[in-house]
Protein backbone atom coordinates (compact mmCIF):
# COMPACT_ATOMS: atom_id res chain seq x y z
CA MET A 1 3.21 -22.80 6.48
CA ALA A 2 3.50 -19.48 5.13
CA ILE A 3 6.29 -18.48 2.60
CA VAL A 4 7.92 -15.33 3.67
CA THR A 5 9.71 -13.17 0.95
CA PRO A 6 10.76 -10.02 2.26
CA GLY A 7 9.70 -7.16 -0.30
CA GLN A 8 7.44 -9.63 -2.47
CA TYR A 9 3.82 -9.50 -2.11
CA ALA A 10 1.46 -12.06 -4.15
CA GLY A 11 -2.23 -12.94 -3.87
CA THR A 12 -5.54 -11.41 -2.56
CA SER A 13 -7.04 -10.96 1.01
CA PHE A 14 -9.64 -8.96 2.82
CA ALA A 15 -9.63 -7.15 6.05
CA ALA A 16 -12.45 -5.31 7.94
CA ILE A 17 -11.71 -1.63 9.27
CA ASP A 18 -11.56 -1.93 13.18
CA GLY A 19 -13.76 0.56 15.39
CA LYS A 20 -10.89 2.83 15.74
CA GLY A 21 -10.35 3.32 11.93
CA ARG A 22 -7.29 0.81 12.07
CA ILE A 23 -6.44 -1.37 9.18
CA ALA A 24 -4.95 -4.67 9.77
CA VAL A 25 -2.41 -5.70 7.29
CA PRO A 26 -3.24 -9.41 6.47
CA SER A 27 -0.43 -11.94 7.31
CA GLN A 28 0.58 -12.81 3.91
CA PHE A 29 1.45 -9.23 3.16
CA ARG A 30 2.59 -8.29 6.84
CA ASN A 31 5.36 -11.00 6.92
CA ASN A 32 6.66 -9.82 3.79
CA VAL A 33 7.19 -6.17 5.06
CA PRO A 34 10.87 -6.15 6.07
CA LEU A 35 12.14 -5.59 9.63
CA ILE A 36 14.05 -2.43 9.91
CA ALA A 37 17.11 -2.31 12.54
CA ASP A 38 15.16 -1.84 15.60
CA GLY A 39 12.90 -4.81 14.73
CA GLN A 40 9.85 -2.85 13.72
CA ARG A 41 7.88 -3.31 10.56
CA VAL A 42 7.76 0.15 8.77
CA LEU A 43 5.06 0.15 5.85
CA TRP A 44 5.14 2.87 3.48
CA VAL A 45 1.83 3.89 2.02
CA GLY A 46 0.86 6.11 -0.70
CA PHE A 47 -1.52 7.02 -3.75
CA HIS A 48 -1.62 4.54 -6.56
CA GLU A 49 -0.56 6.37 -9.79
CA LYS A 50 -3.54 5.76 -11.62
CA LEU A 51 -6.28 3.85 -9.63
CA PRO A 52 -8.20 5.22 -6.47
CA CYS A 53 -6.52 3.21 -4.05
CA LEU A 54 -3.47 3.13 -1.98
CA VAL A 55 -0.22 1.22 -2.49
CA ALA A 56 2.29 0.16 0.30
CA TYR A 57 5.65 -1.34 0.61
CA GLY A 58 8.46 -1.97 2.98
CA GLN A 59 11.51 0.13 3.70
CA ASP A 60 13.53 -1.78 0.99
CA GLN A 61 10.98 -0.52 -1.97
CA TYR A 62 11.33 2.96 -0.48
CA ASP A 63 15.18 2.91 -0.43
CA ARG A 64 15.08 1.35 -3.87
CA LEU A 65 12.74 4.17 -5.43
CA ASN A 66 15.25 7.00 -3.82
CA GLY A 67 18.04 4.94 -5.28
CA GLU A 68 16.33 5.28 -8.67
CA ILE A 69 16.12 9.30 -8.30
CA GLU A 70 19.85 9.32 -7.68
CA ARG A 71 20.54 7.36 -10.66
CA GLU A 72 18.46 9.36 -12.87
CA ARG A 73 20.01 12.45 -11.47
CA GLU A 74 23.69 11.03 -12.36
CA THR A 75 22.54 10.03 -15.56
CA ALA A 76 21.23 13.30 -16.40
CA ARG A 77 24.33 15.04 -15.37
CA SER A 78 26.62 12.76 -17.43
CA ARG A 79 24.45 13.84 -20.68
CA ASN A 80 24.34 17.25 -19.63
CA LEU A 81 20.50 17.34 -19.49
CA ASP A 82 18.22 19.06 -16.87
CA PHE A 83 17.13 17.04 -13.90
CA ASP A 84 14.44 18.25 -11.43
CA GLU A 85 15.12 16.35 -8.38
CA ASP A 86 12.17 17.82 -6.57
CA VAL A 87 9.75 16.98 -9.26
CA GLU A 88 10.83 13.36 -9.24
CA PHE A 89 10.55 13.14 -5.41
CA LYS A 90 7.20 14.64 -5.28
CA LYS A 91 5.95 12.01 -8.44
CA ARG A 92 7.02 9.29 -6.12
CA PHE A 93 6.55 10.36 -2.73
CA SER A 94 3.92 13.42 -2.46
CA TYR A 95 1.40 11.41 -0.60
CA THR A 96 3.38 8.80 0.90
CA GLU A 97 3.72 8.37 4.52
CA PRO A 98 5.76 5.71 6.85
CA TYR A 99 3.47 3.73 9.34
CA THR A 100 5.02 1.40 11.97
CA LEU A 101 2.93 -1.69 12.24
CA ASP A 102 1.69 -2.46 15.70
CA ASP A 103 2.03 -5.75 17.35
CA SER A 104 -1.31 -7.14 15.46
CA GLY A 105 -0.04 -5.68 11.93
CA ARG A 106 -2.24 -2.72 12.23
CA PHE A 107 -1.88 0.98 11.25
CA LEU A 108 -4.09 3.91 11.64
CA PRO A 109 -4.18 5.79 8.11
CA SER A 110 -3.92 9.32 8.12
CA PHE A 111 -6.34 12.06 6.98
CA THR A 112 -4.86 12.00 3.75
CA HIS A 113 -4.88 8.28 3.19
CA ARG A 114 -8.47 8.10 4.41
CA ASP A 115 -9.35 10.15 1.33
CA ARG A 116 -8.73 6.48 -0.35
CA VAL A 117 -9.83 3.96 2.51
CA GLY A 118 -12.48 5.80 4.50
CA ASP A 119 -12.54 5.01 8.24
CA ALA A 120 -15.01 2.34 8.44
CA GLY A 121 -16.07 -0.85 6.49
CA ALA A 122 -13.28 -3.06 4.84
CA THR A 123 -10.46 -3.10 2.52
CA ALA A 124 -9.07 -5.68 -0.04
CA PHE A 125 -5.12 -6.20 -0.47
CA VAL A 126 -3.84 -6.96 -3.78
CA GLY A 127 -0.08 -8.28 -4.14
CA SER A 128 1.68 -6.75 -7.10
CA GLY A 129 5.48 -7.67 -6.94
CA ARG A 130 7.34 -5.29 -4.98
CA ARG A 131 4.03 -3.51 -3.55
CA PHE A 132 0.77 -4.17 -2.90
CA GLU A 133 -2.53 -2.01 -3.53
CA ILE A 134 -5.06 -1.52 -0.63
CA TRP A 135 -8.81 -0.87 -1.83
CA TRP A 136 -11.42 0.59 0.16
CA LEU A 137 -14.54 -1.73 -0.93
CA PRO A 138 -16.99 1.06 -1.68
CA THR A 139 -14.37 2.41 -4.05
CA LEU A 140 -13.53 -0.80 -5.57
CA ALA A 141 -17.26 -1.60 -6.05
CA GLU A 142 -17.65 1.97 -8.10
CA CYS A 143 -14.26 2.03 -9.84
CA ALA A 144 -14.77 1.16 -13.76
CA GLU A 145 -10.75 0.47 -14.13
CA ALA A 146 -10.83 -2.06 -11.31
CA ASP A 147 -10.30 -5.86 -11.88
CA PRO A 148 -13.79 -7.28 -12.18
CA VAL A 149 -12.85 -10.84 -10.57
CA LEU A 150 -11.61 -8.55 -7.73
CA GLN A 151 -14.79 -6.76 -7.68
CA ARG A 152 -16.89 -9.76 -7.42
CA LEU A 153 -14.80 -11.36 -4.73
CA ALA A 154 -14.72 -8.23 -2.68
CA ALA A 155 -18.41 -8.14 -2.85
CA SER A 156 -18.77 -11.74 -1.95
CA TRP A 157 -16.66 -11.44 1.14
CA ASP A 158 -18.40 -8.20 2.00
CA ALA A 159 -21.72 -9.95 2.05
CA THR A 160 -20.50 -13.08 3.87
CA LYS A 161 -17.54 -11.83 6.06
CA GLY A 162 -17.27 -8.21 6.32
CA LYS A 163 -17.59 -7.37 10.03
CA GLY A 164 -16.55 -3.59 9.75
CA ARG A 165 -18.70 -0.59 10.75
CA LYS A 166 -20.75 0.32 7.73
């Protein structure tokens, strides 16, 4: 039985990108994306701050990050400091988009996000607490900053189980 903890992501999984370019979020991550009011799972996806991969999280994390901006603004005001809300919002959300997952837990990345995951092949998912990373396997293989264990696991998975278009 899988443990469902909304908004918390752990573990590593792999998935092929389907023939239409959609990415299926593995159940261990998808099940932890909180449902919104209409019963849908909305996944917010953006660029990682330092690594050449995507990061993804649910509405709860998006709301938390927005709340941080509000608190930082109020703190700056109370200390009579300058605060540029637009700059802070851009830092967190410039390349972030919401995707409603379909019944199979898939989403079709936009043109912007395909810059990081391509439209064929396979992806690695890495849980990192309140969010998870989505790596395109060719980028992961070439990234000097990537975890070498993840690189080895991804290469092994791709060689034996990867069924995505090449």
